[in-house]
C-alpha atoms as a PDB file:
ATOM      1  CA  MET A   1       0.000   0.000   0.000  1.00  0.00           C
ATOM      2  CA  LYS A   2       2.863   2.363   0.881  1.00  0.00           C
ATOM      3  CA  LYS A   3       4.497   1.640  -2.489  1.00  0.00           C
ATOM      4  CA  MET A   4       1.241   2.443  -4.331  1.00  0.00           C
ATOM      5  CA  ILE A   5       0.959   5.778  -2.508  1.00  0.00           C
ATOM      6  CA  TYR A   6       4.508   6.699  -3.584  1.00  0.00           C
ATOM      7  CA  LEU A   7       3.681   5.651  -7.164  1.00  0.00           C
ATOM      8  CA  PHE A   8       0.511   7.775  -7.104  1.00  0.00           C
ATOM      9  CA  PHE A   9       2.463  10.888  -6.042  1.00  0.00           C
ATOM     10  CA  LYS A  10       5.139  10.219  -8.671  1.00  0.00           C
ATOM     11  CA  GLY A  11       2.416   9.858 -11.314  1.00  0.00           C
ATOM     12  CA  PHE A  12       0.827  13.068 -10.026  1.00  0.00           C
ATOM     13  CA  ILE A  13       4.092  14.975 -10.535  1.00  0.00           C
ATOM     14  CA  MET A  14       4.478  13.442 -14.022  1.00  0.00           C
ATOM     15  CA  GLY A  15       0.928  14.540 -14.845  1.00  0.00           C
ATOM     16  CA  ILE A  16       1.654  18.122 -13.814  1.00  0.00           C
ATOM     17  CA  ALA A  17       4.808  18.076 -15.945  1.00  0.00           C
ATOM     18  CA  ASN A  18       2.877  16.978 -19.011  1.00  0.00           C
ATOM     19  CA  ILE A  19       0.547  19.987 -18.710  1.00  0.00           C
ATOM     20  CA  ILE A  20       3.353  22.524 -18.912  1.00  0.00           C
ATOM     21  CA  PRO A  21       5.117  23.406 -22.183  1.00  0.00           C
ATOM     22  CA  GLY A  22       8.852  22.876 -21.743  1.00  0.00           C
ATOM     23  CA  VAL A  23       8.580  20.345 -18.907  1.00  0.00           C
ATOM     24  CA  SER A  24       8.897  16.650 -19.797  1.00  0.00           C
ATOM     25  CA  GLY A  25       6.946  13.876 -18.097  1.00  0.00           C
ATOM     26  CA  GLY A  26       9.709  11.490 -19.181  1.00  0.00           C
ATOM     27  CA  THR A  27      12.295  13.645 -17.440  1.00  0.00           C
ATOM     28  CA  LEU A  28      10.323  13.602 -14.199  1.00  0.00           C
ATOM     29  CA  ALA A  29       9.840   9.823 -14.459  1.00  0.00           C
ATOM     30  CA  ILE A  30      13.628   9.413 -14.595  1.00  0.00           C
ATOM     31  CA  ILE A  31      14.219  11.970 -11.849  1.00  0.00           C
ATOM     32  CA  LEU A  32      11.715  10.118  -9.636  1.00  0.00           C
ATOM     33  CA  GLY A  33      13.354   6.748 -10.320  1.00  0.00           C
ATOM     34  CA  ILE A  34      10.502   4.950 -12.102  1.00  0.00           C
ATOM     35  CA  TYR A  35      11.318   5.453 -15.794  1.00  0.00           C
ATOM     36  CA  GLU A  36      12.774   2.018 -16.573  1.00  0.00           C
ATOM     37  CA  ASP A  37      10.068   0.225 -14.561  1.00  0.00           C
ATOM     38  CA  PHE A  38       7.465   2.359 -16.324  1.00  0.00           C
ATOM     39  CA  ILE A  39       8.557   1.491 -19.867  1.00  0.00           C
ATOM     40  CA  ASN A  40       9.138  -2.175 -18.963  1.00  0.00           C
ATOM     41  CA  ALA A  41       5.649  -2.481 -17.463  1.00  0.00           C
ATOM     42  CA  ILE A  42       4.094  -1.023 -20.618  1.00  0.00           C
ATOM     43  CA  SER A  43       6.244  -3.071 -23.019  1.00  0.00           C
ATOM     44  CA  HIS A  44       5.484  -6.365 -21.227  1.00  0.00           C
ATOM     45  CA  PHE A  45       2.045  -5.520 -19.911  1.00  0.00           C
ATOM     46  CA  PHE A  46       0.466  -8.958 -20.445  1.00  0.00           C
ATOM     47  CA  SER A  47       3.520 -11.092 -19.604  1.00  0.00           C
ATOM     48  CA  ASP A  48       3.159 -10.267 -15.880  1.00  0.00           C
ATOM     49  CA  PHE A  49      -0.282  -8.690 -15.832  1.00  0.00           C
ATOM     50  CA  LYS A  50      -0.865  -8.521 -12.065  1.00  0.00           C
ATOM     51  CA  LYS A  51       2.532  -6.981 -11.269  1.00  0.00           C
ATOM     52  CA  ASN A  52       2.338  -4.480 -14.121  1.00  0.00           C
ATOM     53  CA  ILE A  53      -1.222  -3.385 -13.398  1.00  0.00           C
ATOM     54  CA  LEU A  54      -0.351  -2.819  -9.721  1.00  0.00           C
ATOM     55  CA  PHE A  55       2.530  -0.613 -10.851  1.00  0.00           C
ATOM     56  CA  LEU A  56       0.847   1.287 -13.694  1.00  0.00           C
ATOM     57  CA  LEU A  57      -2.575   1.818 -12.081  1.00  0.00           C
ATOM     58  CA  PRO A  58      -1.427   4.244  -9.325  1.00  0.00           C
ATOM     59  CA  VAL A  59       0.958   5.999 -11.742  1.00  0.00           C
ATOM     60  CA  PHE A  60      -1.722   6.607 -14.400  1.00  0.00           C
ATOM     61  CA  LEU A  61      -4.284   7.435 -11.712  1.00  0.00           C
ATOM     62  CA  GLY A  62      -1.923  10.069 -10.317  1.00  0.00           C
ATOM     63  CA  MET A  63      -1.306  11.465 -13.811  1.00  0.00           C
ATOM     64  CA  GLY A  64      -5.035  11.597 -14.537  1.00  0.00           C
ATOM     65  CA  VAL A  65      -5.873  13.330 -11.256  1.00  0.00           C
ATOM     66  CA  ALA A  66      -3.094  15.870 -11.857  1.00  0.00           C
ATOM     67  CA  ILE A  67      -4.215  16.692 -15.402  1.00  0.00           C
ATOM     68  CA  LEU A  68      -7.864  17.073 -14.380  1.00  0.00           C
ATOM     69  CA  SER A  69      -7.268  18.967 -11.132  1.00  0.00           C
ATOM     70  CA  MET A  70      -4.152  21.040 -11.754  1.00  0.00           C
ATOM     71  CA  SER A  71      -4.730  22.661 -15.160  1.00  0.00           C
ATOM     72  CA  ASN A  72      -6.367  25.735 -13.617  1.00  0.00           C
ATOM     73  CA  VAL A  73      -3.935  25.788 -10.668  1.00  0.00           C
ATOM     74  CA  ILE A  74      -0.902  25.774 -12.973  1.00  0.00           C
ATOM     75  CA  SER A  75      -2.451  28.515 -15.129  1.00  0.00           C
ATOM     76  CA  PHE A  76      -3.070  30.618 -12.000  1.00  0.00           C
ATOM     77  CA  SER A  77       0.474  30.000 -10.710  1.00  0.00           C
ATOM     78  CA  TYR A  78       2.121  30.980 -13.985  1.00  0.00           C
ATOM     79  CA  LYS A  79      -0.030  34.099 -14.138  1.00  0.00           C
ATOM     80  CA  HIS A  80       0.698  35.319 -10.594  1.00  0.00           C
ATOM     81  CA  ILE A  81       4.051  33.745  -9.584  1.00  0.00           C
ATOM     82  CA  PRO A  82       5.653  32.587 -12.868  1.00  0.00           C
ATOM     83  CA  ILE A  83       9.280  32.703 -11.669  1.00  0.00           C
ATOM     84  CA  ALA A  84       8.558  30.778  -8.476  1.00  0.00           C
ATOM     85  CA  THR A  85       6.497  28.168 -10.342  1.00  0.00           C
ATOM     86  CA  THR A  86       9.234  27.703 -12.930  1.00  0.00           C
ATOM     87  CA  LEU A  87      11.957  27.349 -10.285  1.00  0.00           C
ATOM     88  CA  PHE A  88       9.919  24.604  -8.603  1.00  0.00           C
ATOM     89  CA  PHE A  89      10.271  22.456 -11.732  1.00  0.00           C
ATOM     90  CA  VAL A  90      13.934  23.383 -12.146  1.00  0.00           C
ATOM     91  CA  GLY A  91      14.399  22.231  -8.545  1.00  0.00           C
ATOM     92  CA  LEU A  92      12.701  18.937  -9.363  1.00  0.00           C
ATOM     93  CA  VAL A  93      15.149  18.341 -12.214  1.00  0.00           C
ATOM     94  CA  LEU A  94      18.250  19.336 -10.203  1.00  0.00           C
ATOM     95  CA  GLY A  95      17.193  17.215  -7.240  1.00  0.00           C
ATOM     96  CA  GLY A  96      17.185  14.075  -9.371  1.00  0.00           C
ATOM     97  CA  ILE A  97      20.599  14.499 -11.003  1.00  0.00           C
ATOM     98  CA  PRO A  98      22.500  12.653  -8.189  1.00  0.00           C
ATOM     99  CA  LEU A  99      20.312   9.580  -8.786  1.00  0.00           C
ATOM    100  CA  LEU A 100      21.029   9.698 -12.529  1.00  0.00           C
ATOM    101  CA  THR A 101      24.762  10.140 -11.979  1.00  0.00           C
ATOM    102  CA  LYS A 102      24.735   7.148  -9.646  1.00  0.00           C
ATOM    103  CA  LYS A 103      22.963   5.005 -12.250  1.00  0.00           C
ATOM    104  CA  LEU A 104      25.440   6.072 -14.926  1.00  0.00           C
ATOM    105  CA  LYS A 105      28.364   5.015 -12.704  1.00  0.00           C
ATOM    106  CA  GLU A 106      26.692   1.641 -12.139  1.00  0.00           C
ATOM    107  CA  SER A 107      26.051   1.055 -15.861  1.00  0.00           C
ATOM    108  CA  LYS A 108      28.334  -1.213 -17.870  1.00  0.00           C
ATOM    109  CA  GLY A 109      30.215   0.400 -20.747  1.00  0.00           C
ATOM    110  CA  ASN A 110      33.094   2.680 -21.700  1.00  0.00           C
ATOM    111  CA  LYS A 111      32.122   5.949 -20.025  1.00  0.00           C
ATOM    112  CA  LYS A 112      35.049   7.857 -21.598  1.00  0.00           C
ATOM    113  CA  SER A 113      34.005   7.051 -25.177  1.00  0.00           C
ATOM    114  CA  ILE A 114      33.839  10.045 -27.528  1.00  0.00           C
ATOM    115  CA  ILE A 115      30.572   8.645 -28.922  1.00  0.00           C
ATOM    116  CA  ASN A 116      28.976   8.898 -25.471  1.00  0.00           C
ATOM    117  CA  TYR A 117      29.853  12.591 -25.182  1.00  0.00           C
ATOM    118  CA  LEU A 118      28.656  13.186 -28.741  1.00  0.00           C
ATOM    119  CA  ILE A 119      25.299  11.626 -27.837  1.00  0.00           C
ATOM    120  CA  PHE A 120      25.168  13.913 -24.776  1.00  0.00           C
ATOM    121  CA  VAL A 121      25.762  16.995 -26.962  1.00  0.00           C
ATOM    122  CA  LEU A 122      23.174  15.917 -29.551  1.00  0.00           C
ATOM    123  CA  THR A 123      20.410  15.276 -26.996  1.00  0.00           C
ATOM    124  CA  PHE A 124      21.291  18.533 -25.205  1.00  0.00           C
ATOM    125  CA  ALA A 125      21.004  20.420 -28.524  1.00  0.00           C
ATOM    126  CA  LEU A 126      17.684  18.717 -29.372  1.00  0.00           C
ATOM    127  CA  VAL A 127      16.027  19.945 -26.183  1.00  0.00           C
ATOM    128  CA  ILE A 128      17.355  23.484 -26.655  1.00  0.00           C
ATOM    129  CA  PHE A 129      16.042  23.467 -30.241  1.00  0.00           C
ATOM    130  CA  MET A 130      12.617  22.265 -29.036  1.00  0.00           C
ATOM    131  CA  ALA A 131      12.511  25.164 -26.579  1.00  0.00           C
ATOM    132  CA  LEU A 132      13.511  27.696 -29.253  1.00  0.00           C
ATOM    133  CA  ALA A 133      11.072  26.153 -31.743  1.00  0.00           C
ATOM    134  CA  ASP A 134       8.208  27.616 -29.741  1.00  0.00           C
ATOM    135  CA  THR A 135       9.455  31.019 -30.897  1.00  0.00           C
ATOM    136  CA  ILE A 136      10.574  29.975 -34.390  1.00  0.00           C
ATOM    137  CA  PHE A 137       7.237  28.409 -35.304  1.00  0.00           C
ATOM    138  CA  SER A 138       4.988  30.659 -33.230  1.00  0.00           C
ATOM    139  CA  GLY A 139       2.896  31.512 -36.273  1.00  0.00           C
ATOM    140  CA  ILE A 140       1.191  28.119 -36.350  1.00  0.00           C
ATOM    141  CA  GLY A 141      -2.452  28.550 -35.388  1.00  0.00           C
ATOM    142  CA  ASP A 142      -4.574  26.424 -33.074  1.00  0.00           C
ATOM    143  CA  ILE A 143      -6.973  23.768 -34.369  1.00  0.00           C
ATOM    144  CA  ASN A 144     -10.704  23.986 -33.769  1.00  0.00           C
ATOM    145  CA  LEU A 145     -11.944  20.760 -32.136  1.00  0.00           C
ATOM    146  CA  THR A 146     -15.492  21.891 -31.397  1.00  0.00           C
ATOM    147  CA  LYS A 147     -16.730  20.065 -34.507  1.00  0.00           C
ATOM    148  CA  ILE A 148     -14.882  16.788 -35.030  1.00  0.00           C
ATOM    149  CA  THR A 149     -14.807  15.264 -38.526  1.00  0.00           C
ATOM    150  CA  ILE A 150     -13.341  11.995 -39.808  1.00  0.00           C
ATOM    151  CA  ILE A 151     -10.275  13.812 -41.180  1.00  0.00           C
ATOM    152  CA  LYS A 152      -9.786  15.720 -37.926  1.00  0.00           C
ATOM    153  CA  GLY A 153     -10.236  12.469 -36.001  1.00  0.00           C
ATOM    154  CA  ILE A 154      -7.476  10.745 -37.997  1.00  0.00           C
ATOM    155  CA  ILE A 155      -5.154  13.744 -37.545  1.00  0.00           C
ATOM    156  CA  LEU A 156      -5.970  13.856 -33.826  1.00  0.00           C
ATOM    157  CA  PHE A 157      -5.093  10.147 -33.505  1.00  0.00           C
ATOM    158  CA  PHE A 158      -1.643  10.664 -35.057  1.00  0.00           C
ATOM    159  CA  VAL A 159      -1.091  13.831 -33.005  1.00  0.00           C
ATOM    160  CA  GLY A 160      -1.790  11.694 -29.928  1.00  0.00           C
ATOM    161  CA  ILE A 161       0.878   9.204 -31.043  1.00  0.00           C
ATOM    162  CA  ILE A 162       3.431  11.990 -31.582  1.00  0.00           C
ATOM    163  CA  ALA A 163       2.591  13.746 -28.312  1.00  0.00           C
ATOM    164  CA  ALA A 164       2.732  10.516 -26.293  1.00  0.00           C
ATOM    165  CA  GLY A 165       6.040   9.585 -27.843  1.00  0.00           C
ATOM    166  CA  THR A 166       7.531  12.892 -26.807  1.00  0.00           C
ATOM    167  CA  MET A 167       5.965  12.602 -23.346  1.00  0.00           C
ATOM    168  CA  VAL A 168       7.880   9.357 -22.822  1.00  0.00           C
ATOM    169  CA  ILE A 169      11.185  10.619 -24.287  1.00  0.00           C
ATOM    170  CA  PRO A 170      13.123  12.305 -21.444  1.00  0.00           C
ATOM    171  CA  GLY A 171      13.670  16.031 -21.883  1.00  0.00           C
ATOM    172  CA  VAL A 172      11.199  16.456 -24.739  1.00  0.00           C
ATOM    173  CA  SER A 173       7.995  18.194 -23.708  1.00  0.00           C
ATOM    174  CA  GLY A 174       4.855  16.591 -25.095  1.00  0.00           C
ATOM    175  CA  SER A 175       2.847  19.707 -24.294  1.00  0.00           C
ATOM    176  CA  LEU A 176       5.368  21.855 -26.203  1.00  0.00           C
ATOM    177  CA  VAL A 177       5.062  19.570 -29.242  1.00  0.00           C
ATOM    178  CA  LEU A 178       1.267  19.867 -29.008  1.00  0.00           C
ATOM    179  CA  MET A 179       1.659  23.644 -28.914  1.00  0.00           C
ATOM    180  CA  LEU A 180       3.856  23.630 -32.023  1.00  0.00           C
ATOM    181  CA  LEU A 181       1.270  21.466 -33.827  1.00  0.00           C
ATOM    182  CA  GLY A 182      -1.533  23.827 -32.766  1.00  0.00           C
ATOM    183  CA  PHE A 183      -3.334  21.261 -30.579  1.00  0.00           C
ATOM    184  CA  TYR A 184      -2.210  22.269 -27.078  1.00  0.00           C
ATOM    185  CA  TYR A 185      -4.866  24.855 -26.205  1.00  0.00           C
ATOM    186  CA  PRO A 186      -7.715  22.979 -27.967  1.00  0.00           C
ATOM    187  CA  ILE A 187      -6.910  19.839 -25.944  1.00  0.00           C
ATOM    188  CA  ILE A 188      -6.589  21.784 -22.670  1.00  0.00           C
ATOM    189  CA  ASP A 189      -9.866  23.633 -23.382  1.00  0.00           C
ATOM    190  CA  THR A 190     -11.582  20.311 -24.125  1.00  0.00           C
ATOM    191  CA  ILE A 191     -10.396  18.900 -20.791  1.00  0.00           C
ATOM    192  CA  LYS A 192     -11.595  22.014 -18.934  1.00  0.00           C
ATOM    193  CA  ASP A 193     -14.934  21.813 -20.774  1.00  0.00           C
ATOM    194  CA  LEU A 194     -15.327  18.152 -19.812  1.00  0.00           C
ATOM    195  CA  ILE A 195     -14.584  18.901 -16.149  1.00  0.00           C
ATOM    196  CA  HIS A 196     -17.532  21.330 -16.171  1.00  0.00           C
ATOM    197  CA  PHE A 197     -19.700  18.673 -17.914  1.00  0.00           C
ATOM    198  CA  ASN A 198     -20.166  20.795 -21.029  1.00  0.00           C
ATOM    199  CA  HIS A 199     -20.597  19.176 -24.472  1.00  0.00           C
ATOM    200  CA  LEU A 200     -20.024  15.749 -22.917  1.00  0.00           C
ATOM    201  CA  PHE A 201     -20.538  13.636 -26.051  1.00  0.00           C
ATOM    202  CA  SER A 202     -18.266  15.598 -28.374  1.00  0.00           C
ATOM    203  CA  ASN A 203     -15.583  16.115 -25.711  1.00  0.00           C
ATOM    204  CA  VAL A 204     -15.499  12.402 -24.849  1.00  0.00           C
ATOM    205  CA  ILE A 205     -15.133  11.576 -28.574  1.00  0.00           C
ATOM    206  CA  VAL A 206     -12.262  14.061 -29.008  1.00  0.00           C
ATOM    207  CA  LEU A 207     -10.378  12.953 -25.888  1.00  0.00           C
ATOM    208  CA  GLY A 208     -11.119   9.288 -26.631  1.00  0.00           C
ATOM    209  CA  ILE A 209      -9.513   9.474 -30.095  1.00  0.00           C
ATOM    210  CA  PHE A 210      -6.598  11.456 -28.721  1.00  0.00           C
ATOM    211  CA  GLY A 211      -6.243   8.995 -25.820  1.00  0.00           C
ATOM    212  CA  ILE A 212      -6.039   5.983 -28.143  1.00  0.00           C
ATOM    213  CA  GLY A 213      -3.277   7.720 -30.087  1.00  0.00           C
ATOM    214  CA  VAL A 214      -1.479   8.499 -26.815  1.00  0.00           C
ATOM    215  CA  LEU A 215      -1.687   4.831 -25.795  1.00  0.00           C
ATOM    216  CA  VAL A 216      -0.229   3.637 -29.108  1.00  0.00           C
ATOM    217  CA  GLY A 217       2.586   6.212 -28.887  1.00  0.00           C
ATOM    218  CA  ILE A 218       3.488   5.305 -25.320  1.00  0.00           C
ATOM    219  CA  ILE A 219       3.712   1.590 -26.144  1.00  0.00           C
ATOM    220  CA  GLY A 220       5.864   2.187 -29.237  1.00  0.00           C
ATOM    221  CA  ILE A 221       8.381   4.533 -27.601  1.00  0.00           C
ATOM    222  CA  SER A 222       8.493   2.412 -24.431  1.00  0.00           C
ATOM    223  CA  LYS A 223       9.599  -0.615 -26.441  1.00  0.00           C
ATOM    224  CA  LEU A 224      12.291   1.457 -28.143  1.00  0.00           C
ATOM    225  CA  PHE A 225      13.733   2.797 -24.890  1.00  0.00           C
ATOM    226  CA  GLU A 226      13.523  -0.606 -23.223  1.00  0.00           C
ATOM    227  CA  TYR A 227      15.720  -1.931 -26.029  1.00  0.00           C
ATOM    228  CA  LEU A 228      18.163   0.976 -25.686  1.00  0.00           C
ATOM    229  CA  PHE A 229      18.547   0.539 -21.915  1.00  0.00           C
ATOM    230  CA  LYS A 230      19.065  -3.192 -22.361  1.00  0.00           C
ATOM    231  CA  LYS A 231      21.510  -3.109 -25.293  1.00  0.00           C
ATOM    232  CA  GLN A 232      23.183   0.326 -24.979  1.00  0.00           C
ATOM    233  CA  GLU A 233      22.804   1.223 -21.304  1.00  0.00           C
ATOM    234  CA  THR A 234      25.736   3.637 -20.915  1.00  0.00           C
ATOM    235  CA  LYS A 235      25.085   5.451 -24.206  1.00  0.00           C
ATOM    236  CA  THR A 236      21.411   5.768 -23.279  1.00  0.00           C
ATOM    237  CA  TYR A 237      22.257   7.296 -19.896  1.00  0.00           C
ATOM    238  CA  PHE A 238      24.594   9.818 -21.560  1.00  0.00           C
ATOM    239  CA  GLY A 239      21.732  10.743 -23.895  1.00  0.00           C
ATOM    240  CA  VAL A 240      19.326  11.037 -20.974  1.00  0.00           C
ATOM    241  CA  LEU A 241      21.768  13.289 -19.078  1.00  0.00           C
ATOM    242  CA  GLY A 242      21.939  15.523 -22.163  1.00  0.00           C
ATOM    243  CA  PHE A 243      18.147  15.785 -22.059  1.00  0.00           C
ATOM    244  CA  ILE A 244      18.157  16.505 -18.327  1.00  0.00           C
ATOM    245  CA  TYR A 245      20.875  19.188 -18.247  1.00  0.00           C
ATOM    246  CA  ALA A 246      19.307  20.970 -21.228  1.00  0.00           C
ATOM    247  CA  SER A 247      15.958  20.935 -19.399  1.00  0.00           C
ATOM    248  CA  ILE A 248      17.471  23.147 -16.690  1.00  0.00           C
ATOM    249  CA  LEU A 249      17.805  25.876 -19.353  1.00  0.00           C
ATOM    250  CA  ALA A 250      14.780  24.959 -21.486  1.00  0.00           C
ATOM    251  CA  ILE A 251      12.197  24.956 -18.690  1.00  0.00           C
ATOM    252  CA  PRO A 252      12.671  28.627 -17.702  1.00  0.00           C
ATOM    253  CA  TYR A 253      12.895  29.732 -21.344  1.00  0.00           C
ATOM    254  CA  SER A 254       9.787  27.834 -22.507  1.00  0.00           C
ATOM    255  CA  ALA A 255       7.789  28.954 -19.491  1.00  0.00           C
ATOM    256  CA  LEU A 256       8.805  32.597 -19.235  1.00  0.00           C
ATOM    257  CA  HIS A 257       9.943  33.968 -22.603  1.00  0.00           C
ATOM    258  CA  SER A 258       6.427  34.829 -23.808  1.00  0.00           C
ATOM    259  CA  LEU A 259       5.206  36.266 -20.494  1.00  0.00           C
ATOM    260  CA  GLU A 260       5.271  39.877 -19.422  1.00  0.00           C
ATOM    261  CA  ILE A 261       6.961  39.416 -16.080  1.00  0.00           C
ATOM    262  CA  LYS A 262       5.941  41.860 -13.372  1.00  0.00           C
ATOM    263  CA  PHE A 263       8.475  41.096 -10.672  1.00  0.00           C
ATOM    264  CA  HIS A 264       7.453  41.365  -7.037  1.00  0.00           C
ATOM    265  CA  TYR A 265      10.030  41.179  -4.242  1.00  0.00           C
ATOM    266  CA  TYR A 266       7.939  38.772  -2.171  1.00  0.00           C
ATOM    267  CA  GLU A 267       8.254  36.312  -5.039  1.00  0.00           C
ATOM    268  CA  ILE A 268      11.971  35.909  -4.269  1.00  0.00           C
ATOM    269  CA  ILE A 269      11.088  34.166  -0.994  1.00  0.00           C
ATOM    270  CA  ILE A 270       8.376  32.048  -2.629  1.00  0.00           C
ATOM    271  CA  ALA A 271      10.726  31.155  -5.502  1.00  0.00           C
ATOM    272  CA  ILE A 272      13.529  30.051  -3.156  1.00  0.00           C
ATOM    273  CA  LEU A 273      11.115  27.961  -1.060  1.00  0.00           C
ATOM    274  CA  LEU A 274       9.553  26.268  -4.099  1.00  0.00           C
ATOM    275  CA  PHE A 275      12.980  25.652  -5.642  1.00  0.00           C
ATOM    276  CA  ILE A 276      14.139  23.922  -2.450  1.00  0.00           C
ATOM    277  CA  LEU A 277      10.832  22.034  -2.200  1.00  0.00           C
ATOM    278  CA  GLY A 278      11.260  20.753  -5.757  1.00  0.00           C
ATOM    279  CA  MET A 279      14.788  19.517  -5.025  1.00  0.00           C
ATOM    280  CA  VAL A 280      13.688  17.822  -1.795  1.00  0.00           C
ATOM    281  CA  ILE A 281      10.734  16.071  -3.469  1.00  0.00           C
ATOM    282  CA  ALA A 282      12.909  14.766  -6.318  1.00  0.00           C
ATOM    283  CA  TYR A 283      15.759  13.693  -4.029  1.00  0.00           C
ATOM    284  CA  PHE A 284      13.647  11.796  -1.505  1.00  0.00           C
ATOM    285  CA  LEU A 285      11.046  10.340  -3.878  1.00  0.00           C
ATOM    286  CA  GLY A 286      13.707   9.271  -6.369  1.00  0.00           C
ATOM    287  CA  ASP A 287      14.986   6.390  -4.251  1.00  0.00           C
ATOM    288  CA  LYS A 288      11.625   5.383  -2.803  1.00  0.00           C
ATOM    289  CA  LYS A 289      10.856   1.897  -4.109  1.00  0.00           C
ATOM    290  CA  ASP A 290       8.743   0.596  -1.253  1.00  0.00           C
END
């Protein structure tokens, strides 16, 4: 029971991360120490059904509760204390780096290989590009999902696959990819509409199609990363560290560059406290297996 409570809170944090452009649910899964178990449980769901369902159920339940309950809270936080809110997530990332470094040291492979450092640089650059892409491609408009058609349904399914894939890949923000594709605000608005029980039938159809795409994407990317961790463990960890370190820069940029920041001195105290809180949560939850 204690383990399931920990898994619920870890899923909750992952769910919050997936709401926010620039913050990766995959990154938080690694920081919180459940990434490999997460992708293994999805990849081999039916081979050990009871064990996997007991692991995935609290994680997905936590993610679902976070997405449904925190959308408005996160919007309010970014509107009123954007710097403090952003530093909370930076703290989460920094707090998990010791766990990642420890896993890299324990991995088998030539850690001084030039290829490993090249992979680190490439994954670091990818995350920075994804953050900058929000500015580069800012002209892309949002999609109207109020009236779903067959064509829109097919597109929505494939968008779900792409978004889910990027949610699972550490350091790549699924919500940012949705924003670049023009689907972020329509999906968020649909979720908010559903919470208030408005347009139930159409909203359930839209989120159902999107959800199926998400499921397919998660399974596909999970199998890929399971293979990478099994066959190329050290190289994969170097790539993951590239994602993570770049996130420390990408999270503040993605969250704050488009906002008109009105700085208040009291926010310094709140920002420091939330930054420390984020580090503490990541550090202590990261090693919690039981």
